[in-house]
N, C-alpha and C. Protein backbone atom coordinates (compact mmCIF):
# COMPACT_ATOMS: atom_id res chain seq x y z
N UNK A 1 0.48 -1.34 -0.28
CA UNK A 1 -0.14 0.18 -0.02
C UNK A 1 0.88 1.10 0.17
N UNK A 2 1.85 1.53 -1.26
CA UNK A 2 2.62 2.45 -0.97
C UNK A 2 1.61 3.84 -1.27
N UNK A 3 1.90 5.15 -1.05
CA UNK A 3 1.10 6.34 -1.30
C UNK A 3 2.26 7.03 -2.03
N UNK A 4 2.12 7.58 -3.08
CA UNK A 4 2.76 8.66 -4.08
C UNK A 4 2.75 9.71 -3.21
N UNK A 5 4.27 10.73 -3.20
CA UNK A 5 4.42 11.85 -2.74
C UNK A 5 3.05 13.02 -3.01
N UNK A 6 2.94 12.68 -4.18
CA UNK A 6 1.99 13.73 -4.85
C UNK A 6 0.46 13.92 -4.05
N UNK A 7 0.27 12.91 -3.67
CA UNK A 7 -1.11 12.61 -3.15
C UNK A 7 -1.20 13.19 -1.62
N UNK A 8 0.07 13.67 -1.16
CA UNK A 8 0.12 14.24 0.02
C UNK A 8 0.79 15.93 0.00
N UNK A 9 -0.95 16.58 -0.06
CA UNK A 9 -0.70 18.09 0.01
C UNK A 9 -0.17 18.52 1.12
N UNK A 10 0.79 19.22 0.77
CA UNK A 10 1.44 19.86 2.29
C UNK A 10 0.80 21.20 2.26
N UNK A 11 0.70 21.62 3.84
CA UNK A 11 0.05 23.03 4.15
C UNK A 11 1.20 24.20 3.68
N UNK A 12 0.70 25.04 3.15
CA UNK A 12 1.72 26.33 3.19
C UNK A 12 2.35 27.10 4.16
N UNK A 13 3.59 27.71 3.99
CA UNK A 13 3.85 28.46 5.41
C UNK A 13 5.21 27.87 5.71
N UNK A 14 5.59 28.31 7.08
CA UNK A 14 6.94 27.81 7.62
C UNK A 14 6.63 26.77 8.17
N UNK A 15 7.75 25.49 8.46
CA UNK A 15 7.53 24.52 9.05
C UNK A 15 7.35 24.93 10.74
N UNK A 16 6.38 24.15 11.18
CA UNK A 16 6.27 24.31 12.68
C UNK A 16 7.29 23.23 13.34
N UNK A 17 7.95 23.33 14.49
CA UNK A 17 8.95 22.40 15.13
C UNK A 17 8.22 22.28 16.10
N UNK A 18 7.78 21.00 16.26
CA UNK A 18 7.10 20.51 17.55
C UNK A 18 7.86 19.85 18.72
N UNK A 19 7.76 19.77 20.01
CA UNK A 19 8.37 19.18 20.86
C UNK A 19 7.14 18.60 21.76
N UNK A 20 7.10 17.43 22.12
CA UNK A 20 6.24 16.70 22.85
C UNK A 20 6.60 16.41 23.84
N UNK A 21 6.03 16.33 25.03
CA UNK A 21 6.33 16.50 26.24
C UNK A 21 4.95 15.21 27.04
N UNK A 22 5.62 14.19 27.26
CA UNK A 22 4.24 13.11 27.63
C UNK A 22 4.31 12.05 26.35
N UNK A 23 5.05 10.92 26.20
CA UNK A 23 4.52 10.39 24.70
C UNK A 23 4.04 9.10 25.11
N UNK A 24 3.08 8.89 25.99
CA UNK A 24 2.50 7.52 26.29
C UNK A 24 1.26 7.48 25.32
N UNK A 25 0.11 7.16 25.88
CA UNK A 25 -1.29 6.88 25.04
C UNK A 25 -1.57 8.35 24.77
N UNK A 26 -1.40 9.44 25.37
CA UNK A 26 -2.13 10.63 24.80
C UNK A 26 -1.32 11.11 23.70
N UNK A 27 -0.09 11.29 24.17
CA UNK A 27 0.80 11.63 23.28
C UNK A 27 1.09 11.19 21.96
N UNK A 28 0.98 9.56 22.17
CA UNK A 28 0.69 8.84 21.13
C UNK A 28 -0.15 9.18 20.01
N UNK A 29 -1.43 9.36 20.36
CA UNK A 29 -2.51 10.01 19.84
C UNK A 29 -2.61 11.23 19.24
N UNK A 30 -2.04 12.19 19.95
CA UNK A 30 -1.74 13.44 19.32
C UNK A 30 -0.78 13.32 18.09
N UNK A 31 0.36 12.53 18.45
CA UNK A 31 1.13 12.60 17.35
C UNK A 31 0.53 12.09 16.26
N UNK A 32 -0.42 11.04 16.26
CA UNK A 32 -1.31 10.69 15.17
C UNK A 32 -2.12 11.50 14.57
N UNK A 33 -2.63 12.29 15.44
CA UNK A 33 -3.22 13.59 14.68
C UNK A 33 -2.68 14.49 14.13
N UNK A 34 -1.37 14.28 14.28
CA UNK A 34 -0.27 15.37 13.28
C UNK A 34 -0.22 14.38 12.14
N UNK A 35 -0.02 13.49 11.96
CA UNK A 35 0.36 12.42 10.67
C UNK A 35 1.30 12.00 11.02
N UNK A 36 1.87 11.10 12.48
CA UNK A 36 2.71 10.32 12.70
C UNK A 36 2.28 9.27 13.52
N UNK A 37 2.71 8.20 12.81
CA UNK A 37 2.73 6.88 13.85
C UNK A 37 3.87 6.37 13.84
N UNK A 38 4.09 5.25 14.71
CA UNK A 38 5.27 4.27 14.76
C UNK A 38 5.07 3.44 13.46
N UNK A 39 6.12 2.81 13.00
CA UNK A 39 6.20 1.92 11.77
C UNK A 39 5.33 0.91 12.01
N UNK A 40 5.28 0.19 13.45
CA UNK A 40 4.75 -1.09 13.59
C UNK A 40 3.25 -1.18 13.52
N UNK A 41 2.53 0.67 13.59
CA UNK A 41 1.36 0.55 13.35
C UNK A 41 0.86 0.47 11.92
N UNK A 42 1.92 1.14 10.98
CA UNK A 42 1.55 0.97 9.51
C UNK A 42 1.44 -0.47 9.45
N UNK A 43 2.52 -1.13 9.83
CA UNK A 43 2.36 -2.45 9.09
C UNK A 43 1.21 -3.24 9.83
N UNK A 44 0.95 -3.20 10.94
CA UNK A 44 -0.49 -3.64 11.48
C UNK A 44 -1.66 -3.62 10.73
N UNK A 45 -1.63 -2.14 10.25
CA UNK A 45 -2.99 -1.38 9.20
C UNK A 45 -2.61 -2.32 8.32
N UNK A 46 -1.56 -2.49 7.70
CA UNK A 46 -1.40 -3.04 6.07
C UNK A 46 -1.57 -4.30 6.33
N UNK A 47 -1.67 -5.07 7.42
CA UNK A 47 -2.01 -6.60 7.43
C UNK A 47 -3.44 -6.55 7.64
N UNK A 48 -4.03 -5.85 8.37
CA UNK A 48 -5.79 -5.98 8.69
C UNK A 48 -6.42 -5.32 7.08
N UNK A 49 -5.87 -4.58 6.48
CA UNK A 49 -6.34 -4.21 4.98
C UNK A 49 -6.27 -5.24 4.24
N UNK A 50 -5.51 -6.21 4.26
CA UNK A 50 -5.66 -7.37 3.28
C UNK A 50 -7.06 -8.29 3.50
N UNK A 51 -7.50 -8.18 4.47
CA UNK A 51 -8.59 -8.63 5.00
C UNK A 51 -10.09 -8.21 5.27
N UNK A 52 -9.53 -6.69 5.52
CA UNK A 52 -10.95 -6.01 5.55
C UNK A 52 -10.99 -4.58 4.85
N UNK A 53 -12.05 -4.48 4.13
CA UNK A 53 -12.09 -3.30 3.47
C UNK A 53 -11.98 -1.98 4.28
N UNK A 54 -12.47 -2.03 5.52
CA UNK A 54 -12.11 -1.05 6.38
C UNK A 54 -10.87 -0.10 6.64
N UNK A 55 -10.07 -1.22 6.99
CA UNK A 55 -8.59 -0.99 7.22
C UNK A 55 -7.92 -0.62 5.77
N UNK A 56 -8.46 -1.02 4.92
CA UNK A 56 -7.79 -0.42 3.62
C UNK A 56 -8.05 0.62 3.43
N UNK A 57 -9.76 1.32 3.33
CA UNK A 57 -9.79 2.58 3.23
C UNK A 57 -9.42 3.33 4.33
N UNK A 58 -9.30 2.88 5.67
CA UNK A 58 -8.60 3.65 6.79
C UNK A 58 -6.89 4.08 6.54
N UNK A 59 -6.43 2.88 6.02
CA UNK A 59 -4.92 3.50 5.74
C UNK A 59 -4.90 4.24 4.68
N UNK A 60 -5.26 4.29 3.67
CA UNK A 60 -5.37 5.16 2.36
C UNK A 60 -6.03 6.30 3.05
N UNK A 61 -6.91 6.72 4.00
CA UNK A 61 -7.20 8.01 4.42
C UNK A 61 -6.09 8.72 5.38
N UNK A 62 -5.48 7.90 6.06
CA UNK A 62 -4.10 7.95 6.64
C UNK A 62 -3.06 8.51 6.02
N UNK A 63 -3.00 7.73 5.21
CA UNK A 63 -1.63 8.20 4.44
C UNK A 63 -1.93 9.36 3.38
N UNK A 64 -3.05 9.61 2.59
CA UNK A 64 -3.13 10.34 1.88
C UNK A 64 -3.71 12.17 2.64
N UNK A 65 -4.16 11.90 3.87
CA UNK A 65 -4.18 13.24 4.56
C UNK A 65 -3.08 14.38 4.22
N UNK A 66 -3.42 15.61 4.52
CA UNK A 66 -2.55 16.34 4.10
C UNK A 66 -1.28 16.58 5.20
N UNK A 67 -0.23 17.08 4.44
CA UNK A 67 0.89 17.11 4.87
C UNK A 67 0.65 18.43 5.82
N UNK A 68 0.70 18.43 7.30
CA UNK A 68 0.51 19.62 8.14
C UNK A 68 1.70 20.77 8.12
N UNK A 69 2.84 19.91 7.31
CA UNK A 69 4.15 20.89 7.36
C UNK A 69 4.86 21.29 8.71
N UNK A 70 4.61 19.55 9.72
CA UNK A 70 5.26 19.86 10.98
C UNK A 70 6.30 19.28 10.97
N UNK A 71 7.28 19.37 12.01
CA UNK A 71 8.22 18.42 12.05
C UNK A 71 8.33 18.17 13.44
N UNK A 72 8.56 16.85 14.08
CA UNK A 72 8.33 16.74 15.27
C UNK A 72 10.13 16.61 15.89
N UNK A 73 10.46 17.53 16.42
CA UNK A 73 12.06 17.80 16.49
C UNK A 73 12.47 17.48 17.93
N UNK A 74 11.67 17.22 18.96
CA UNK A 74 11.97 16.72 20.13
C UNK A 74 10.76 16.15 20.96
N UNK A 75 11.45 14.97 21.91
CA UNK A 75 10.30 14.20 22.80
C UNK A 75 10.78 14.27 24.04
N UNK A 76 9.74 14.14 25.21
CA UNK A 76 10.47 13.97 26.32
C UNK A 76 9.34 13.21 27.06
N UNK A 77 10.06 12.11 27.86
CA UNK A 77 9.29 11.61 28.79
C UNK A 77 9.93 10.29 29.69
N UNK A 78 9.40 10.46 30.92
CA UNK A 78 10.52 9.75 31.85
C UNK A 78 10.48 8.25 31.53
N UNK A 79 9.90 7.86 30.87
CA UNK A 79 9.67 6.21 30.56
C UNK A 79 10.38 6.02 29.42
N UNK A 80 11.55 5.09 29.33
CA UNK A 80 12.41 4.88 28.33
C UNK A 80 11.44 4.27 26.80
N UNK A 81 10.65 3.34 27.27
CA UNK A 81 9.70 2.81 26.29
C UNK A 81 9.01 3.78 25.61
N UNK A 82 8.27 4.52 26.34
CA UNK A 82 7.51 5.76 25.51
C UNK A 82 8.34 6.54 24.74
N UNK A 83 9.57 6.72 25.38
CA UNK A 83 10.28 8.06 24.72
C UNK A 83 10.95 7.28 23.30
N UNK A 84 11.33 6.00 23.43
CA UNK A 84 11.81 5.36 22.32
C UNK A 84 11.00 5.11 21.48
N UNK A 85 9.69 5.06 21.60
CA UNK A 85 8.85 4.88 20.50
C UNK A 85 8.40 5.83 19.95
N UNK A 86 8.30 7.21 20.80
CA UNK A 86 8.16 8.49 20.04
C UNK A 86 9.14 8.82 19.48
N UNK A 87 10.48 8.67 19.36
CA UNK A 87 11.42 8.77 18.71
C UNK A 87 11.18 8.35 17.09
N UNK A 88 11.00 6.77 17.05
CA UNK A 88 10.30 6.33 15.67
C UNK A 88 9.50 6.97 15.29
N UNK A 89 8.30 7.67 15.73
CA UNK A 89 7.08 7.87 15.43
C UNK A 89 7.68 9.34 14.84
N UNK A 90 8.08 9.85 15.79
CA UNK A 90 8.49 11.26 15.14
C UNK A 90 9.20 11.25 13.98
N UNK A 91 10.06 10.36 13.64
CA UNK A 91 11.01 10.17 12.41
C UNK A 91 10.17 9.45 11.16
N UNK A 92 9.05 9.02 11.38
CA UNK A 92 7.82 8.61 10.46
C UNK A 92 7.20 9.40 9.39
N UNK A 93 8.07 10.38 8.98
CA UNK A 93 7.58 11.70 8.30
C UNK A 93 6.54 10.88 6.82
N UNK A 94 6.96 9.94 6.23
CA UNK A 94 6.54 9.19 5.29
C UNK A 94 5.30 8.11 5.55
N UNK A 95 5.00 7.84 6.60
CA UNK A 95 4.05 7.39 6.99
C UNK A 95 4.23 5.93 6.66
N UNK A 96 5.43 5.07 6.88
CA UNK A 96 5.78 3.82 6.33
C UNK A 96 5.56 2.96 7.50
N UNK A 97 6.10 1.76 7.18
CA UNK A 97 6.15 0.48 8.00
C UNK A 97 7.33 0.43 8.23
N UNK A 98 7.79 -0.79 9.34
CA UNK A 98 9.09 -1.14 9.42
C UNK A 98 10.11 -1.16 8.22
N UNK A 99 11.25 -0.68 8.08
CA UNK A 99 12.38 -1.02 7.12
C UNK A 99 12.14 -0.19 5.78
N UNK A 100 11.12 1.03 6.13
CA UNK A 100 10.74 2.07 4.92
C UNK A 100 11.57 3.26 5.33
N UNK A 101 11.42 4.20 4.44
CA UNK A 101 12.22 5.39 4.52
C UNK A 101 11.96 6.14 5.72
N UNK A 102 12.76 6.69 6.63
CA UNK A 102 12.28 7.64 7.68
C UNK A 102 13.04 8.98 7.64
N UNK A 103 12.62 9.92 8.06
CA UNK A 103 13.11 11.20 8.06
C UNK A 103 14.06 11.41 9.54
N UNK A 104 14.48 12.76 9.51
CA UNK A 104 15.30 12.99 10.99
C UNK A 104 14.51 12.73 11.92
N UNK A 105 15.19 11.99 12.95
CA UNK A 105 14.87 11.65 14.13
C UNK A 105 14.72 12.59 15.20
N UNK A 106 13.78 12.89 16.27
CA UNK A 106 13.57 13.93 16.77
C UNK A 106 15.00 13.79 18.00
N UNK A 107 14.86 14.65 18.77
CA UNK A 107 15.95 14.50 19.90
C UNK A 107 15.09 14.35 21.20
N UNK A 108 15.76 13.40 22.13
CA UNK A 108 14.95 13.19 23.33
C UNK A 108 15.70 13.73 24.45
N UNK A 109 14.85 14.55 25.36
CA UNK A 109 14.99 15.22 26.22
C UNK A 109 15.00 14.63 27.45
N UNK A 110 15.46 14.66 28.64
CA UNK A 110 15.19 14.18 29.94
C UNK A 110 14.46 15.09 30.94
N UNK A 111 14.48 16.01 30.67
CA UNK A 111 13.27 17.17 31.46
C UNK A 111 12.78 17.80 30.37
N UNK A 112 11.80 18.42 30.89
CA UNK A 112 10.96 19.42 30.10
C UNK A 112 11.38 20.86 30.05
N UNK A 113 12.00 20.82 31.04
CA UNK A 113 12.67 22.20 31.50
C UNK A 113 13.90 22.47 29.70
N UNK A 114 14.30 21.58 29.58
CA UNK A 114 15.68 21.54 28.54
C UNK A 114 14.58 21.40 27.51
N UNK A 115 13.68 20.59 27.15
CA UNK A 115 13.17 20.65 25.85
C UNK A 115 12.32 22.15 25.35
N UNK A 116 11.72 22.75 26.29
CA UNK A 116 11.05 24.06 26.17
C UNK A 116 12.42 24.93 25.80
N UNK A 117 13.48 24.85 26.23
CA UNK A 117 14.57 25.68 26.02
C UNK A 117 15.16 25.46 24.65
N UNK A 118 15.01 24.81 24.03
CA UNK A 118 15.63 24.18 23.01
C UNK A 118 15.12 25.00 21.59
N UNK A 119 16.36 25.38 21.05
CA UNK A 119 16.06 26.44 19.60
C UNK A 119 15.10 25.90 18.67
N UNK A 120 15.21 24.71 18.43
CA UNK A 120 14.54 24.03 17.48
C UNK A 120 13.02 23.60 17.57
N UNK A 121 12.80 24.07 18.76
CA UNK A 121 11.10 23.81 19.19
C UNK A 121 10.39 24.99 18.97
N UNK A 122 9.25 25.53 18.49
CA UNK A 122 8.69 26.42 18.27
C UNK A 122 7.59 26.28 19.09
N UNK A 123 6.89 24.83 19.28
CA UNK A 123 5.62 24.84 19.77
C UNK A 123 5.64 23.40 20.70
N UNK A 124 4.92 23.44 21.95
CA UNK A 124 4.99 22.21 22.48
C UNK A 124 3.74 21.54 22.73
N UNK A 125 3.40 20.36 22.99
CA UNK A 125 2.33 19.51 22.92
C UNK A 125 2.34 19.32 24.38
N UNK A 126 1.61 19.34 25.33
CA UNK A 126 1.89 18.76 26.69
C UNK A 126 0.53 17.93 26.86
N UNK A 127 1.32 16.58 27.05
CA UNK A 127 0.41 15.07 27.24
C UNK A 127 0.90 14.48 28.18
N UNK A 128 1.17 15.06 29.41
CA UNK A 128 1.80 14.57 30.80
C UNK A 128 0.80 14.26 31.77
N UNK A 129 0.51 13.86 32.88
CA UNK A 129 -0.36 13.51 33.86
C UNK A 129 -0.56 14.93 34.25
N UNK A 130 -1.98 15.24 34.85
CA UNK A 130 -2.39 16.35 34.74
C UNK A 130 -1.55 17.22 35.95
N UNK A 131 -1.05 16.82 37.08
CA UNK A 131 -0.62 17.78 38.06
C UNK A 131 0.74 18.64 37.08
N UNK A 132 1.14 17.98 36.04
CA UNK A 132 2.42 18.87 35.58
C UNK A 132 1.69 19.32 34.37
N UNK A 133 0.73 19.74 33.85
CA UNK A 133 0.46 20.23 32.58
C UNK A 133 0.73 22.26 33.03
N UNK A 134 0.52 22.48 34.30
CA UNK A 134 0.50 23.72 34.82
C UNK A 134 2.04 24.26 34.76
N UNK A 135 3.03 23.67 35.32
CA UNK A 135 4.29 24.13 35.13
C UNK A 135 5.02 24.10 33.56
N UNK A 136 4.56 23.12 33.10
CA UNK A 136 5.08 22.77 31.76
C UNK A 136 4.55 23.86 31.00
N UNK A 137 3.21 24.11 30.63
CA UNK A 137 2.54 25.43 29.78
C UNK A 137 3.32 26.65 30.56
N UNK A 138 3.06 26.99 31.46
CA UNK A 138 4.02 28.27 32.14
C UNK A 138 5.34 28.37 31.56
N UNK A 139 6.50 27.22 31.87
CA UNK A 139 7.81 27.31 31.49
C UNK A 139 8.00 27.58 29.51
N UNK A 140 6.85 26.63 29.12
CA UNK A 140 7.20 26.89 27.74
C UNK A 140 6.65 28.48 27.12
N UNK A 141 5.51 28.82 27.90
CA UNK A 141 5.24 30.04 27.75
C UNK A 141 6.07 31.36 27.33
N UNK A 142 6.73 30.95 28.94
CA UNK A 142 7.84 31.97 29.52
C UNK A 142 9.10 32.14 28.27
N UNK A 143 9.53 30.79 27.76
CA UNK A 143 10.41 30.81 26.71
C UNK A 143 9.77 30.93 25.38
N UNK A 144 8.86 31.42 25.52
CA UNK A 144 8.32 31.93 23.88
C UNK A 144 7.67 30.86 22.84
N UNK A 145 7.22 29.63 23.33
CA UNK A 145 6.89 28.54 22.69
C UNK A 145 5.41 28.36 22.80
N UNK A 146 4.66 28.16 21.34
CA UNK A 146 3.34 28.16 21.61
C UNK A 146 2.95 26.81 22.29
N UNK A 147 1.48 26.56 22.85
CA UNK A 147 1.32 25.67 23.77
C UNK A 147 0.04 24.88 23.16
N UNK A 148 -0.08 23.64 23.42
CA UNK A 148 -1.29 23.01 22.97
C UNK A 148 -0.99 21.86 24.59
N UNK A 149 -2.10 22.35 25.27
CA UNK A 149 -2.19 21.47 26.52
C UNK A 149 -3.39 20.51 26.74
N UNK A 150 -3.38 19.63 26.87
CA UNK A 150 -4.09 18.62 27.33
C UNK A 150 -5.36 18.97 28.65
N UNK A 151 -6.16 18.42 28.36
CA UNK A 151 -7.27 18.84 29.71
C UNK A 151 -7.06 17.71 30.81
N UNK A 152 -7.43 18.09 32.01
CA UNK A 152 -7.68 19.62 32.55
C UNK A 152 -6.72 20.53 32.74
N UNK A 153 -6.68 21.57 32.44
CA UNK A 153 -5.35 22.59 32.53
C UNK A 153 -4.97 22.52 33.58
N UNK A 154 -5.95 22.82 34.77
CA UNK A 154 -5.34 22.99 36.37
C UNK A 154 -5.97 22.12 37.49
N UNK A 155 -5.43 22.34 38.57
CA UNK A 155 -6.40 21.81 39.53
C UNK A 155 -7.01 22.61 40.50
N UNK A 156 -6.64 24.05 40.36
CA UNK A 156 -6.92 24.80 41.02
C UNK A 156 -7.41 26.08 40.28
N UNK A 157 -8.60 26.96 40.31
CA UNK A 157 -8.73 28.48 39.91
C UNK A 157 -7.36 29.19 39.93
N UNK A 158 -6.82 29.48 41.14
CA UNK A 158 -5.77 30.19 40.94
C UNK A 158 -4.73 29.95 39.88
N UNK A 159 -4.10 28.55 39.75
CA UNK A 159 -3.24 28.02 38.76
C UNK A 159 -3.96 28.59 37.53
N UNK A 160 -5.20 28.36 37.27
CA UNK A 160 -5.79 29.01 35.94
C UNK A 160 -5.55 30.29 35.55
N UNK A 161 -5.64 31.28 36.31
CA UNK A 161 -5.23 32.39 36.32
C UNK A 161 -3.92 32.66 36.05
N UNK A 162 -3.05 32.16 36.58
CA UNK A 162 -1.44 31.99 36.45
C UNK A 162 -1.17 31.80 35.04
N UNK A 163 -1.81 30.72 34.42
CA UNK A 163 -1.49 30.36 33.16
C UNK A 163 -1.96 31.39 32.26
N UNK A 164 -2.87 31.95 32.37
CA UNK A 164 -3.73 32.73 31.55
C UNK A 164 -2.92 34.13 31.46
N UNK A 165 -2.27 34.46 32.63
CA UNK A 165 -1.46 35.70 32.75
C UNK A 165 0.02 35.27 32.14
N UNK A 166 0.47 34.36 32.22
CA UNK A 166 1.72 34.20 31.45
C UNK A 166 1.52 34.18 30.08
N UNK A 167 0.42 33.51 29.60
CA UNK A 167 0.03 33.38 28.06
C UNK A 167 -0.06 34.64 27.38
N UNK A 168 -0.86 35.71 28.18
CA UNK A 168 -1.24 36.97 27.66
C UNK A 168 0.10 37.68 27.56
N UNK A 169 0.78 37.64 28.73
CA UNK A 169 2.33 38.46 28.77
C UNK A 169 3.10 38.08 27.75
N UNK A 170 3.18 36.66 27.31
CA UNK A 170 3.93 36.42 26.52
C UNK A 170 3.76 36.36 25.02
N UNK A 171 2.37 36.32 24.58
CA UNK A 171 1.51 36.96 23.47
C UNK A 171 1.73 35.19 22.43
N UNK A 172 1.85 34.14 23.35
CA UNK A 172 2.29 32.97 22.56
C UNK A 172 0.45 32.42 22.26
N UNK A 173 0.65 31.28 21.39
CA UNK A 173 -0.75 31.02 20.79
C UNK A 173 -1.05 29.82 22.03
N UNK A 174 -2.15 29.65 22.65
CA UNK A 174 -2.24 28.59 23.68
C UNK A 174 -3.77 27.92 22.94
N UNK A 175 -3.60 26.52 23.16
CA UNK A 175 -4.86 25.87 22.88
C UNK A 175 -4.94 24.82 23.91
N UNK A 176 -6.23 24.63 24.74
CA UNK A 176 -6.45 23.69 25.69
C UNK A 176 -7.14 22.62 24.72
N UNK A 177 -6.91 21.47 25.29
CA UNK A 177 -7.36 20.10 24.28
C UNK A 177 -8.92 19.44 24.77
N UNK A 178 -10.03 20.64 24.19
CA UNK A 178 -11.34 20.27 24.33
C UNK A 178 -11.63 19.88 22.82
N UNK A 179 -10.72 19.29 22.15
CA UNK A 179 -10.97 18.90 20.66
C UNK A 179 -12.56 18.10 20.70
N UNK A 180 -12.84 17.50 21.74
CA UNK A 180 -13.99 16.44 21.55
C UNK A 180 -15.21 17.33 21.20
N UNK A 181 -15.13 18.60 21.63
CA UNK A 181 -16.38 19.79 21.14
C UNK A 181 -16.35 19.85 19.64
N UNK A 182 -15.26 19.73 19.36
CA UNK A 182 -15.13 20.10 17.73
C UNK A 182 -15.34 18.80 16.78
N UNK A 183 -15.80 17.76 17.57
CA UNK A 183 -15.98 16.53 16.26
C UNK A 183 -17.61 16.60 16.06
N UNK A 184 -17.89 15.93 15.16
CA UNK A 184 -19.23 16.04 14.18
C UNK A 184 -20.24 15.64 15.17
N UNK A 185 -19.95 14.53 15.86
CA UNK A 185 -21.19 13.64 16.62
C UNK A 185 -21.89 15.10 17.71
N UNK A 186 -20.89 16.07 18.32
CA UNK A 186 -21.08 16.86 19.34
C UNK A 186 -21.89 17.94 18.53
N UNK A 187 -21.59 18.65 17.51
CA UNK A 187 -22.07 19.60 16.58
C UNK A 187 -23.52 19.03 16.16
N UNK A 188 -23.71 17.72 15.96
CA UNK A 188 -25.05 17.52 15.28
C UNK A 188 -25.83 17.39 16.72
N UNK A 189 -25.21 16.74 17.92
CA UNK A 189 -26.43 17.09 19.09
C UNK A 189 -26.69 18.50 19.26
N UNK A 190 -25.84 19.39 19.24
CA UNK A 190 -26.06 20.81 19.37
C UNK A 190 -27.12 21.01 18.58
N UNK A 191 -26.91 20.99 17.10
CA UNK A 191 -28.11 21.24 16.35
C UNK A 191 -29.64 20.54 16.63
N UNK A 192 -29.56 19.66 16.87
CA UNK A 192 -30.76 18.59 17.51
C UNK A 192 -31.45 19.23 18.49
N UNK A 193 -30.43 19.43 19.46
CA UNK A 193 -31.14 20.54 20.58
C UNK A 193 -31.80 21.69 20.30
N UNK A 194 -30.66 22.58 19.68
CA UNK A 194 -31.17 23.88 19.27
C UNK A 194 -32.49 24.18 18.52
N UNK A 195 -32.62 23.08 17.83
CA UNK A 195 -33.87 22.83 16.87
C UNK A 195 -35.26 22.45 17.62
N UNK A 196 -35.09 21.88 19.11
CA UNK A 196 -35.84 21.46 19.53
C UNK A 196 -36.79 20.03 19.12
N UNK A 197 -35.74 19.28 18.66
CA UNK A 197 -36.20 18.10 17.99
C UNK A 197 -36.51 16.93 19.00
N UNK A 198 -35.78 16.95 19.97
CA UNK A 198 -35.90 16.03 21.23
C UNK A 198 -36.67 16.42 22.62
N UNK A 199 -36.91 17.80 22.45
CA UNK A 199 -37.55 18.48 23.67
C UNK A 199 -36.66 18.94 24.64
N UNK A 200 -37.08 19.38 26.00
CA UNK A 200 -36.07 20.02 26.83
C UNK A 200 -35.21 18.87 27.31
N UNK A 201 -33.79 19.27 27.03
CA UNK A 201 -32.91 18.37 27.67
C UNK A 201 -32.81 18.63 29.06
N UNK A 202 -32.64 17.74 30.15
CA UNK A 202 -32.24 18.12 31.42
C UNK A 202 -31.32 17.25 32.19
N UNK A 203 -30.63 16.63 31.51
CA UNK A 203 -29.99 15.77 31.79
C UNK A 203 -28.70 14.78 30.67
N UNK A 204 -27.55 15.39 30.87
CA UNK A 204 -26.85 14.71 29.52
C UNK A 204 -25.53 13.88 30.60
N UNK A 205 -25.43 12.59 29.97
CA UNK A 205 -24.35 11.91 30.76
C UNK A 205 -23.10 11.35 29.47
C-alpha cells in the first residue's frame, strides 16, 4: 500500500517544529493526529487491510491526509519505552512501516525544562499526567513557545489564572485540548437540541 508523494498535499507556510512532552497513550494519539505513527502501526494496518475493506480505506485515508508541514524535533518522557517509541514515531514522516524510509529523528530530552528551552522547538504539546500541565505550560510560554495542553489545564482556579497571565504576557498561541467539542457528533447533538427535535434536555451523561 504505497502512497505517491504527490497525493500528500502540504500545508503552505513555515514548518512548525514541535516538542512533545509526555509520549504515552495521549501523546501518541496526538502525534497520530499530526500525521505521525510508529512504523509497526502501519504494518499492523497493512495486514488488516488485506482482510477488511475498512482497514484498507483507513490506511489510505491516513496516508493521503494533508501534510501539516510539521516536524517533531523533540520528545520528553520519563519512561524509556515511551520516549524510544516516540523517537521512531516522530521520524516516520513518510508514514511507512518497518524498514521504510524515515526522516530525521527527534532529539530526546530528559526534562521538560531542557525541551522548552531548545532552539529548534517552536511549539510544545503537553500530554503528561494532569499535575504537570501547569508547570510545563508556564515554562514553555515563558520561553516563547506556543502550547497545546491536554485537559484538564489545572487543579485549582488560581493556577488557571496564573497560566492565563503568562500566556497573555508572552503573546504565545495557547490551546486547551477540548477537541471533543469540535467533532461532528457533538455538532449534530447541538443542532438537534437547538432545533428542539427531542424537547427539553434536563440531563446529559
